N, C-alpha and C. Protein backbone atom coordinates (compact mmCIF):
# COMPACT_ATOMS: atom_id res chain seq x y z
N MET A 1 51.39 39.24 137.33
CA MET A 1 51.91 40.26 136.88
C MET A 1 50.77 41.04 135.74
N ARG A 2 49.87 39.97 135.44
CA ARG A 2 48.94 40.73 134.44
C ARG A 2 48.17 41.70 135.20
N GLU A 3 47.87 41.01 136.63
CA GLU A 3 47.10 41.82 137.21
C GLU A 3 47.54 43.16 137.85
N PHE A 4 48.98 43.03 137.99
CA PHE A 4 49.79 44.27 138.50
C PHE A 4 49.76 45.51 137.36
N LEU A 5 50.01 44.97 136.10
CA LEU A 5 49.83 45.73 135.25
C LEU A 5 48.72 45.97 134.46
N ASP A 6 47.61 45.36 134.58
CA ASP A 6 46.32 45.84 134.38
C ASP A 6 46.45 45.41 132.86
N ILE A 7 46.93 44.52 132.29
CA ILE A 7 46.97 44.60 130.71
C ILE A 7 45.64 43.26 130.39
N ASP A 8 44.78 43.56 129.25
CA ASP A 8 44.22 42.67 129.05
C ASP A 8 44.20 41.62 127.68
N LYS A 9 43.19 41.04 127.49
CA LYS A 9 43.49 40.19 126.21
C LYS A 9 44.13 40.97 124.74
N ARG A 10 43.48 41.77 124.57
CA ARG A 10 43.79 43.12 123.41
C ARG A 10 44.80 43.78 123.63
N ASP A 11 45.55 43.81 125.11
CA ASP A 11 46.77 44.66 125.08
C ASP A 11 48.02 43.65 124.95
N ARG A 12 47.82 42.33 125.24
CA ARG A 12 49.01 41.65 124.84
C ARG A 12 48.75 41.12 123.74
N GLU A 13 47.68 41.40 122.88
CA GLU A 13 47.77 40.95 121.24
C GLU A 13 48.69 42.20 120.79
N ILE A 14 48.55 43.23 120.99
CA ILE A 14 49.30 44.49 120.33
C ILE A 14 50.59 44.15 120.90
N LEU A 15 51.27 43.91 122.12
CA LEU A 15 52.34 43.53 122.50
C LEU A 15 52.86 42.52 121.66
N SER A 16 52.23 41.43 121.50
CA SER A 16 52.52 40.24 120.46
C SER A 16 52.73 40.66 119.11
N LEU A 17 51.99 41.43 118.49
CA LEU A 17 52.06 42.10 117.23
C LEU A 17 53.26 42.97 116.76
N LEU A 18 53.41 43.88 118.06
CA LEU A 18 54.66 44.53 118.00
C LEU A 18 55.93 43.91 118.45
N GLU A 19 55.97 42.66 118.77
CA GLU A 19 56.97 42.02 119.13
C GLU A 19 57.95 41.46 117.81
N LYS A 20 56.34 40.84 116.90
CA LYS A 20 57.10 40.27 115.93
C LYS A 20 57.47 41.31 114.90
N ASN A 21 56.88 42.39 114.96
CA ASN A 21 57.31 43.30 114.01
C ASN A 21 56.98 44.50 114.80
N PRO A 22 58.02 45.20 114.91
CA PRO A 22 58.27 46.55 116.08
C PRO A 22 57.98 47.86 114.77
N GLU A 23 58.00 47.86 113.93
CA GLU A 23 57.80 48.88 112.77
C GLU A 23 56.10 48.94 112.31
N MET A 24 55.44 48.07 112.62
CA MET A 24 53.81 47.72 112.73
C MET A 24 53.04 48.82 112.88
N SER A 25 52.37 49.59 112.03
CA SER A 25 51.62 50.92 112.15
C SER A 25 50.40 50.64 112.99
N GLN A 26 50.14 51.80 113.58
CA GLN A 26 49.11 51.64 114.63
C GLN A 26 47.60 51.13 113.57
N SER A 27 47.57 51.66 112.51
CA SER A 27 46.56 51.53 111.49
C SER A 27 46.61 49.60 110.88
N ASP A 28 47.85 49.36 110.80
CA ASP A 28 47.84 47.85 110.53
C ASP A 28 47.16 47.36 112.17
N ILE A 29 47.86 47.41 112.94
CA ILE A 29 47.53 46.61 114.02
C ILE A 29 46.14 46.71 114.43
N ALA A 30 45.25 47.95 114.06
CA ALA A 30 43.80 48.11 114.01
C ALA A 30 42.87 47.24 113.16
N GLU A 31 43.93 47.09 111.93
CA GLU A 31 43.04 46.08 110.89
C GLU A 31 43.04 44.81 111.31
N LYS A 32 43.99 44.52 111.80
CA LYS A 32 44.49 43.19 112.26
C LYS A 32 43.72 42.65 113.30
N MET A 33 43.55 43.40 114.49
CA MET A 33 42.47 43.07 115.34
C MET A 33 41.15 43.76 115.40
N LYS A 34 40.65 43.97 114.35
CA LYS A 34 39.78 44.79 113.73
C LYS A 34 38.95 45.52 114.70
N ILE A 35 39.39 46.79 115.50
CA ILE A 35 39.41 47.55 115.93
C ILE A 35 39.74 48.85 115.40
N SER A 36 39.24 50.04 116.17
CA SER A 36 39.67 51.31 115.65
C SER A 36 40.89 51.44 116.22
N GLN A 37 41.82 52.60 114.72
CA GLN A 37 43.09 53.03 115.06
C GLN A 37 43.44 53.65 116.35
N PRO A 38 41.99 54.76 116.83
CA PRO A 38 42.12 55.42 118.06
C PRO A 38 42.22 54.65 119.56
N SER A 39 41.24 53.38 119.08
CA SER A 39 41.41 52.58 120.18
C SER A 39 42.84 51.99 120.60
N VAL A 40 43.67 51.35 119.01
CA VAL A 40 44.88 50.99 119.40
C VAL A 40 45.76 52.00 120.03
N SER A 41 45.73 53.28 119.44
CA SER A 41 46.46 54.20 120.27
C SER A 41 46.42 54.67 121.52
N ALA A 42 45.29 54.49 121.95
CA ALA A 42 44.95 54.89 123.58
C ALA A 42 45.44 53.75 124.33
N ARG A 43 45.41 52.27 123.71
CA ARG A 43 46.00 51.19 124.58
C ARG A 43 47.61 51.32 124.51
N MET A 44 48.37 51.68 123.43
CA MET A 44 49.50 51.71 123.34
C MET A 44 50.05 52.96 124.15
N HIS A 45 49.46 54.08 124.17
CA HIS A 45 49.63 55.18 125.21
C HIS A 45 49.70 54.56 126.77
N LYS A 46 48.39 53.68 126.83
CA LYS A 46 48.53 53.01 128.30
C LYS A 46 49.39 52.34 128.61
N LEU A 47 49.84 51.25 127.45
CA LEU A 47 51.03 50.49 128.00
C LEU A 47 52.24 51.31 128.14
N LYS A 48 52.83 52.24 127.34
CA LYS A 48 53.55 52.85 127.53
C LYS A 48 53.86 53.46 129.06
N GLN A 49 52.65 54.20 129.45
CA GLN A 49 52.52 54.78 130.68
C GLN A 49 52.81 53.98 131.89
N LYS A 50 52.58 52.60 131.49
CA LYS A 50 52.59 51.77 132.60
C LYS A 50 54.07 50.66 132.52
N GLY A 51 54.83 51.32 131.53
CA GLY A 51 55.95 50.55 131.29
C GLY A 51 56.15 49.14 130.66
N ALA A 52 54.94 48.89 130.44
CA ALA A 52 54.90 47.42 129.40
C ALA A 52 55.14 47.68 127.98
N LEU A 53 55.60 48.91 127.58
CA LEU A 53 55.56 48.97 126.03
C LEU A 53 56.60 50.02 126.10
N ALA A 54 57.53 49.75 125.48
CA ALA A 54 58.77 50.96 125.44
C ALA A 54 59.56 50.65 123.80
N HIS A 55 59.93 51.67 123.23
CA HIS A 55 60.78 51.49 122.06
C HIS A 55 62.29 52.12 122.29
N VAL A 56 63.04 51.09 121.90
CA VAL A 56 64.41 51.70 121.84
C VAL A 56 65.23 51.51 120.81
N VAL A 57 65.79 52.75 120.77
CA VAL A 57 66.69 53.26 119.34
C VAL A 57 67.85 52.56 119.62
N GLY A 58 68.55 51.55 118.85
CA GLY A 58 70.08 51.56 118.66
C GLY A 58 70.47 50.81 117.75
N MET A 59 71.70 49.76 118.57
CA MET A 59 72.11 48.97 117.15
C MET A 59 71.71 47.47 117.53
N ASN A 60 71.48 46.78 116.52
CA ASN A 60 70.98 45.73 116.81
C ASN A 60 72.55 44.71 116.74
N LEU A 61 73.05 44.17 117.87
CA LEU A 61 74.57 43.50 118.40
C LEU A 61 74.62 42.04 117.27
N LYS A 62 73.27 41.49 116.80
CA LYS A 62 73.53 40.42 116.44
C LYS A 62 73.57 40.72 114.80
N LYS A 63 73.61 42.05 114.23
CA LYS A 63 73.81 42.33 112.74
C LYS A 63 74.81 43.42 112.52
N VAL A 64 75.43 43.85 113.31
CA VAL A 64 76.46 44.93 113.36
C VAL A 64 77.74 44.00 113.89
N ASP A 65 78.80 44.89 113.46
CA ASP A 65 80.26 43.94 113.82
C ASP A 65 80.88 44.88 115.09
N LEU A 66 80.39 44.38 116.04
CA LEU A 66 80.60 45.06 117.59
C LEU A 66 80.58 43.58 118.52
N TYR A 67 81.58 44.12 119.36
CA TYR A 67 81.65 43.08 120.56
C TYR A 67 80.88 43.25 121.58
N MET A 68 80.70 42.28 122.59
CA MET A 68 79.93 42.94 123.66
C MET A 68 80.36 41.93 124.91
N ALA A 69 80.87 42.78 125.64
CA ALA A 69 81.51 41.92 127.15
C ALA A 69 80.52 42.27 127.93
N LYS A 70 80.31 40.91 128.84
CA LYS A 70 79.62 41.26 130.09
C LYS A 70 80.73 40.91 131.22
N VAL A 71 80.58 41.95 132.33
CA VAL A 71 81.69 41.74 133.21
C VAL A 71 81.03 41.74 134.53
N ASP A 72 81.46 40.63 135.08
CA ASP A 72 80.89 40.02 136.55
C ASP A 72 81.94 40.61 137.53
N VAL A 73 81.15 41.54 138.21
CA VAL A 73 81.97 42.06 139.25
C VAL A 73 82.12 42.25 140.62
N ILE A 74 82.90 42.04 141.68
CA ILE A 74 82.85 41.73 142.96
C ILE A 74 82.93 43.54 143.39
N ALA A 75 82.22 44.33 143.70
CA ALA A 75 82.71 45.29 144.44
C ALA A 75 81.81 45.90 145.59
N ASN A 76 82.85 46.69 146.36
CA ASN A 76 82.42 47.47 147.58
C ASN A 76 81.70 48.05 147.65
N ASN A 77 81.14 49.06 146.59
CA ASN A 77 80.27 49.95 146.32
C ASN A 77 79.79 50.18 145.12
N THR A 78 78.73 49.09 144.90
CA THR A 78 78.12 49.34 143.34
C THR A 78 77.86 50.52 142.95
N SER A 79 77.47 51.20 143.68
CA SER A 79 77.23 52.80 143.01
C SER A 79 77.90 53.55 142.74
N SER A 80 79.16 53.51 143.33
CA SER A 80 80.27 54.34 142.66
C SER A 80 80.82 53.55 141.52
N VAL A 81 80.81 52.32 141.80
CA VAL A 81 81.75 51.78 140.16
C VAL A 81 80.80 52.12 139.03
N LEU A 82 79.26 51.93 139.33
CA LEU A 82 78.23 52.29 138.40
C LEU A 82 78.71 53.52 137.88
N ASP A 83 78.68 54.52 138.84
CA ASP A 83 79.00 56.16 138.56
C ASP A 83 79.89 56.51 137.64
N ILE A 84 80.93 55.86 137.57
CA ILE A 84 81.94 55.74 136.74
C ILE A 84 81.70 55.65 135.62
N PHE A 85 80.97 54.94 135.04
CA PHE A 85 80.86 54.60 133.52
C PHE A 85 79.66 55.23 133.10
N LYS A 86 78.84 55.98 133.73
CA LYS A 86 77.31 56.44 133.41
C LYS A 86 77.54 57.37 132.21
N ASP A 87 78.55 58.07 131.92
CA ASP A 87 78.89 58.89 130.62
C ASP A 87 79.77 58.06 129.49
N CYS A 88 80.18 57.03 129.82
CA CYS A 88 81.14 56.41 128.77
C CYS A 88 80.53 55.72 127.66
N PRO A 89 80.96 56.14 126.47
CA PRO A 89 80.34 55.86 124.95
C PRO A 89 80.18 54.31 125.13
N TYR A 90 81.19 53.72 125.66
CA TYR A 90 81.57 52.41 125.58
C TYR A 90 80.41 51.37 126.43
N PHE A 91 79.82 52.03 127.33
CA PHE A 91 78.72 51.75 128.70
C PHE A 91 77.66 51.31 128.27
N LEU A 92 77.38 49.99 128.24
CA LEU A 92 75.58 49.91 127.96
C LEU A 92 74.80 49.89 128.88
N ASN A 93 75.02 49.20 130.26
CA ASN A 93 74.14 49.04 131.31
C ASN A 93 74.77 48.41 132.39
N GLY A 94 74.17 48.38 133.66
CA GLY A 94 74.71 48.05 134.99
C GLY A 94 73.61 47.65 135.70
N LEU A 95 73.89 46.38 136.10
CA LEU A 95 72.76 45.51 136.76
C LEU A 95 73.43 45.26 138.35
N ILE A 96 72.72 45.85 139.11
CA ILE A 96 73.08 45.38 140.65
C ILE A 96 72.51 44.26 141.30
N VAL A 97 73.54 43.17 141.11
CA VAL A 97 72.86 41.61 141.31
C VAL A 97 73.03 41.11 142.85
N SER A 98 72.26 39.89 142.92
CA SER A 98 72.92 39.14 144.24
C SER A 98 73.92 38.36 143.89
N GLY A 99 74.25 37.54 144.92
CA GLY A 99 75.13 36.37 144.40
C GLY A 99 76.60 37.09 145.08
N LYS A 100 77.85 36.18 144.49
CA LYS A 100 79.04 36.11 144.66
C LYS A 100 79.56 37.61 144.08
N HIS A 101 79.22 37.80 142.82
CA HIS A 101 79.36 38.90 141.74
C HIS A 101 78.06 39.83 142.03
N ASN A 102 78.57 41.16 142.63
CA ASN A 102 77.03 41.74 143.02
C ASN A 102 76.92 42.73 141.66
N LEU A 103 77.81 43.12 140.72
CA LEU A 103 77.61 44.10 139.50
C LEU A 103 77.85 43.52 138.33
N CYS A 104 76.87 43.38 137.54
CA CYS A 104 77.15 42.78 136.09
C CYS A 104 77.15 44.23 135.10
N LEU A 105 78.30 44.06 134.38
CA LEU A 105 78.17 45.62 133.68
C LEU A 105 78.47 44.93 132.06
N PHE A 106 77.99 45.79 130.88
CA PHE A 106 77.74 45.38 129.68
C PHE A 106 78.30 46.36 128.87
N PHE A 107 79.44 46.25 127.81
CA PHE A 107 80.32 47.22 127.03
C PHE A 107 80.14 46.73 125.75
N VAL A 108 80.53 47.92 125.16
CA VAL A 108 80.51 47.26 123.57
C VAL A 108 81.40 47.97 122.94
N GLY A 109 82.24 46.99 121.76
CA GLY A 109 83.34 47.79 121.22
C GLY A 109 83.54 47.35 119.84
N GLU A 110 84.55 48.21 119.12
CA GLU A 110 84.95 47.47 117.67
C GLU A 110 85.69 46.27 117.84
N ASP A 111 86.46 46.07 119.03
CA ASP A 111 87.57 44.95 119.31
C ASP A 111 87.51 44.61 120.70
N ILE A 112 87.92 43.45 120.88
CA ILE A 112 88.04 42.55 122.08
C ILE A 112 89.37 43.40 123.12
N ALA A 113 90.06 44.07 122.50
CA ALA A 113 91.48 44.68 122.99
C ALA A 113 90.70 45.84 123.94
N THR A 114 89.99 46.65 123.34
CA THR A 114 89.60 47.94 123.90
C THR A 114 88.88 47.46 124.97
N LEU A 115 87.44 46.43 124.71
CA LEU A 115 86.80 46.31 125.93
C LEU A 115 87.65 45.61 126.94
N GLU A 116 88.62 44.93 126.73
CA GLU A 116 89.88 44.20 128.09
C GLU A 116 90.48 45.59 128.22
N ALA A 117 90.68 46.40 127.68
CA ALA A 117 91.57 47.87 128.12
C ALA A 117 90.88 48.47 129.32
N ILE A 118 89.32 48.30 129.02
CA ILE A 118 88.11 49.17 129.85
C ILE A 118 88.32 48.50 131.03
N VAL A 119 88.53 47.19 131.34
CA VAL A 119 88.31 46.08 132.29
C VAL A 119 89.46 46.56 133.10
N ASP A 120 90.60 46.42 132.38
CA ASP A 120 92.06 46.43 133.20
C ASP A 120 92.14 47.76 133.51
N GLY A 121 91.81 48.92 133.28
CA GLY A 121 92.24 50.08 133.30
C GLY A 121 91.18 50.89 134.18
N HIS A 122 89.65 50.39 134.45
CA HIS A 122 89.15 51.02 135.03
C HIS A 122 88.12 50.17 136.21
N LEU A 123 88.29 48.83 136.04
CA LEU A 123 87.89 47.70 137.17
C LEU A 123 88.87 47.42 137.85
N ARG A 124 89.62 46.30 137.33
CA ARG A 124 90.93 45.48 137.92
C ARG A 124 91.66 46.58 138.80
N SER A 125 92.05 47.66 138.00
CA SER A 125 92.75 48.75 139.01
C SER A 125 92.12 49.52 140.29
N ASN A 126 91.10 49.62 140.19
CA ASN A 126 89.82 50.03 141.15
C ASN A 126 90.05 49.65 142.28
N PRO A 127 90.37 50.54 143.57
CA PRO A 127 90.35 49.90 144.97
C PRO A 127 88.91 49.53 145.38
N LEU A 128 87.92 49.69 144.87
CA LEU A 128 86.21 49.52 145.19
C LEU A 128 86.19 48.15 144.73
N VAL A 129 86.79 47.52 143.45
CA VAL A 129 86.57 46.38 143.14
C VAL A 129 87.32 45.38 143.32
N LYS A 130 86.90 44.28 144.21
CA LYS A 130 87.81 43.05 144.94
C LYS A 130 87.83 42.02 143.46
N GLY A 131 87.15 42.19 142.26
CA GLY A 131 87.61 41.19 141.46
C GLY A 131 86.40 41.75 140.12
N ALA A 132 86.68 41.25 139.15
CA ALA A 132 86.34 41.36 137.84
C ALA A 132 86.58 39.98 136.61
N GLU A 133 85.39 39.28 136.17
CA GLU A 133 85.69 38.36 135.09
C GLU A 133 84.73 38.65 134.03
N VAL A 134 85.23 38.64 132.88
CA VAL A 134 85.00 39.15 131.53
C VAL A 134 84.51 38.01 130.82
N SER A 135 83.51 38.41 130.07
CA SER A 135 83.22 37.11 129.11
C SER A 135 82.69 38.34 127.98
N ILE A 136 83.06 37.42 126.86
CA ILE A 136 82.79 38.24 125.59
C ILE A 136 81.45 37.46 124.63
N VAL A 137 80.40 38.11 124.71
CA VAL A 137 79.42 37.56 123.98
C VAL A 137 79.78 37.42 122.74
N ILE A 138 79.53 35.85 122.15
CA ILE A 138 79.95 35.40 121.25
C ILE A 138 78.75 35.43 120.17
N ALA A 139 77.59 35.27 120.33
CA ALA A 139 76.42 35.45 119.46
C ALA A 139 75.10 35.63 120.23
N PRO A 140 74.09 36.48 120.02
CA PRO A 140 72.89 36.67 120.87
C PRO A 140 71.78 35.46 119.89
N MET A 141 71.16 35.06 120.71
CA MET A 141 69.94 34.08 120.00
C MET A 141 69.43 34.91 119.38
N LYS A 142 68.79 36.04 119.74
CA LYS A 142 67.72 36.65 119.40
C LYS A 142 68.23 38.17 119.03
N ASP A 143 67.70 38.75 118.18
CA ASP A 143 67.91 40.29 117.94
C ASP A 143 68.22 40.73 119.55
N LEU A 144 69.35 41.91 119.57
CA LEU A 144 69.73 42.19 120.69
C LEU A 144 69.57 43.83 120.34
N VAL A 145 68.90 44.70 120.33
CA VAL A 145 68.82 46.22 120.20
C VAL A 145 69.57 46.85 121.30
N MET A 146 70.60 47.41 121.18
CA MET A 146 71.15 48.10 122.42
C MET A 146 71.22 49.69 122.06
N PRO A 147 70.75 50.74 122.87
CA PRO A 147 71.04 51.77 122.73
C PRO A 147 72.50 52.31 122.76
N ILE A 148 72.96 52.43 122.00
CA ILE A 148 74.48 53.04 122.08
C ILE A 148 74.64 54.54 121.92
N ARG A 149 75.35 55.21 122.86
CA ARG A 149 75.34 56.84 122.65
C ARG A 149 76.37 57.37 121.74
N MET A 150 76.18 58.12 120.97
CA MET A 150 76.70 58.30 119.75
C MET A 150 76.98 60.02 119.48
N ASN A 151 76.44 60.74 120.37
CA ASN A 151 76.52 62.10 120.81
C ASN A 151 77.30 62.33 121.96
N PHE A 152 78.04 63.27 122.39
CA PHE A 152 78.67 63.69 123.27
C PHE A 152 79.59 65.01 123.12
N ASP A 153 79.91 65.76 124.13
CA ASP A 153 80.86 66.73 123.78
C ASP A 153 82.29 66.31 123.89
N LEU A 154 83.06 66.80 122.92
CA LEU A 154 84.51 66.45 123.21
C LEU A 154 84.83 67.20 124.44
N SER A 155 85.99 66.44 125.23
CA SER A 155 86.59 67.08 126.51
C SER A 155 87.94 66.22 126.73
N SER A 156 89.26 67.18 127.24
CA SER A 156 90.31 66.62 127.27
C SER A 156 90.17 65.87 128.39
N THR A 157 89.30 65.81 129.40
CA THR A 157 88.98 64.56 130.27
C THR A 157 87.90 63.23 129.95
N PRO A 158 88.12 62.33 130.16
CA PRO A 158 87.24 61.20 129.87
C PRO A 158 86.33 61.05 131.21
N PRO A 159 85.24 60.78 130.64
CA PRO A 159 83.90 61.27 131.04
C PRO A 159 84.00 59.96 132.62
N CYS A 160 85.14 58.82 132.37
CA CYS A 160 85.13 58.05 133.65
C CYS A 160 85.46 58.55 134.77
N GLY A 161 86.31 59.87 134.72
CA GLY A 161 87.02 60.42 135.54
C GLY A 161 88.56 60.07 135.66
N ASN A 162 88.68 58.95 134.91
CA ASN A 162 90.22 58.54 135.12
C ASN A 162 91.27 59.71 134.73
N ALA A 163 92.18 59.44 135.42
CA ALA A 163 93.00 60.75 135.15
C ALA A 163 94.29 60.61 134.26
N CYS A 164 94.15 59.54 133.59
CA CYS A 164 95.12 59.08 132.71
C CYS A 164 94.54 59.43 131.29
N ASN A 165 95.50 60.25 130.63
CA ASN A 165 94.95 60.87 129.34
C ASN A 165 95.39 59.62 128.25
N CYS A 166 94.46 58.99 126.99
CA CYS A 166 94.52 57.86 126.20
C CYS A 166 96.10 58.07 125.84
N LYS A 167 96.61 59.31 125.34
CA LYS A 167 97.93 59.53 124.92
C LYS A 167 99.12 58.61 125.90
N ASP A 168 98.65 58.75 127.21
CA ASP A 168 99.74 58.31 128.30
C ASP A 168 99.52 56.92 128.71
N CYS A 169 98.26 56.36 128.09
CA CYS A 169 98.01 54.99 128.59
C CYS A 169 98.55 54.06 127.88
N ALA A 170 99.16 53.08 128.14
CA ALA A 170 100.03 51.62 127.85
C ALA A 170 99.06 51.03 126.98
N HIS A 171 97.60 50.95 127.14
CA HIS A 171 96.98 49.82 126.51
C HIS A 171 96.80 50.86 124.79
N HIS A 172 96.80 52.21 124.95
CA HIS A 172 96.60 52.99 123.52
C HIS A 172 97.78 53.10 122.93
N ILE A 173 98.98 53.34 123.68
CA ILE A 173 100.13 53.53 122.83
C ILE A 173 100.59 51.99 122.35
N SER A 174 100.20 50.84 123.08
CA SER A 174 100.37 49.69 122.29
C SER A 174 99.62 49.13 121.05
N SER A 175 98.26 50.29 120.96
CA SER A 175 97.45 49.81 119.98
C SER A 175 96.55 48.74 120.38
N ARG A 176 96.45 48.54 121.83
CA ARG A 176 95.52 47.56 122.48
C ARG A 176 94.32 47.93 123.12
N CYS A 177 94.10 49.33 122.46
CA CYS A 177 92.86 50.21 123.07
C CYS A 177 92.75 51.10 121.83
N LEU A 178 91.27 51.43 121.24
CA LEU A 178 91.25 52.31 120.36
C LEU A 178 91.01 53.98 120.99
N GLY A 179 90.88 53.96 122.18
CA GLY A 179 90.69 55.18 122.72
C GLY A 179 89.66 55.49 123.05
N CYS A 180 89.15 56.63 123.85
CA CYS A 180 88.19 56.87 124.36
C CYS A 180 87.57 58.31 123.07
N PRO A 181 86.45 57.94 122.78
CA PRO A 181 85.87 58.82 121.91
C PRO A 181 85.60 60.32 122.31
N VAL A 182 85.50 60.30 123.62
CA VAL A 182 85.35 61.87 124.31
C VAL A 182 86.24 62.67 124.14
N THR A 183 87.98 61.81 124.27
CA THR A 183 88.67 63.04 124.42
C THR A 183 89.71 63.07 123.07
N GLY A 184 88.86 62.54 121.84
CA GLY A 184 89.59 62.74 120.59
C GLY A 184 91.02 62.01 120.01
N SER A 185 91.21 61.10 121.40
CA SER A 185 92.17 60.13 121.07
C SER A 185 91.55 58.87 120.25
N TYR A 186 90.42 58.82 119.93
CA TYR A 186 89.82 57.54 119.59
C TYR A 186 90.24 57.42 118.10
N ASN A 187 90.75 56.20 117.98
CA ASN A 187 91.18 55.45 116.59
C ASN A 187 90.32 54.55 115.91
N GLY A 188 89.21 54.50 116.54
CA GLY A 188 88.30 53.55 115.71
C GLY A 188 87.31 54.26 114.65
N LYS A 189 86.17 53.65 114.07
CA LYS A 189 85.15 53.51 113.14
C LYS A 189 83.85 54.33 113.56
N ILE A 190 83.26 53.85 114.51
CA ILE A 190 81.97 53.82 115.08
C ILE A 190 81.85 55.54 115.25
N TRP A 191 82.31 55.92 116.33
CA TRP A 191 82.04 57.21 116.85
C TRP A 191 83.02 58.55 116.31
N LYS A 192 83.70 58.40 114.94
CA LYS A 192 84.40 59.47 114.42
C LYS A 192 83.58 60.29 113.72
């Protein structure tokens, strides 16, 4: 891997320092490594260009009061299923994987019932989906910063394309789902 990325000992040292303290300034890195700040800047730029260094702005799921669901899916068309959630505020990421379950989806929400409603309403009822197993993440071992979409345009139609409006949804009516933040039917606190 190091040959492919072409990173050397100093690059690895920069990555190690940033792993321990992502807020560390280039000047502090330069001082610690006994090299110039412009050299650190050039190396960091090179690492970013190669994809070896990236900054993620988001919420630390180890510290905030949110639930994360990992959903293992057996789908006939993984791309079509992923496309359903591309603009969903609750959706974190999706991975096409090998094995019995060919899709692994991650969602975040304020309560488990809303996450379950997403799975029931959008996956288990979808003809492209043969099966979906939900696991709620109890606790991450390390800090887990996830980019959570906070800005979106309000619309009468949810981004998932679901024809059902939250006001007509049995999960939402029975208070088992906080609703979709995009449609204005949302009853939670994060996206208000």
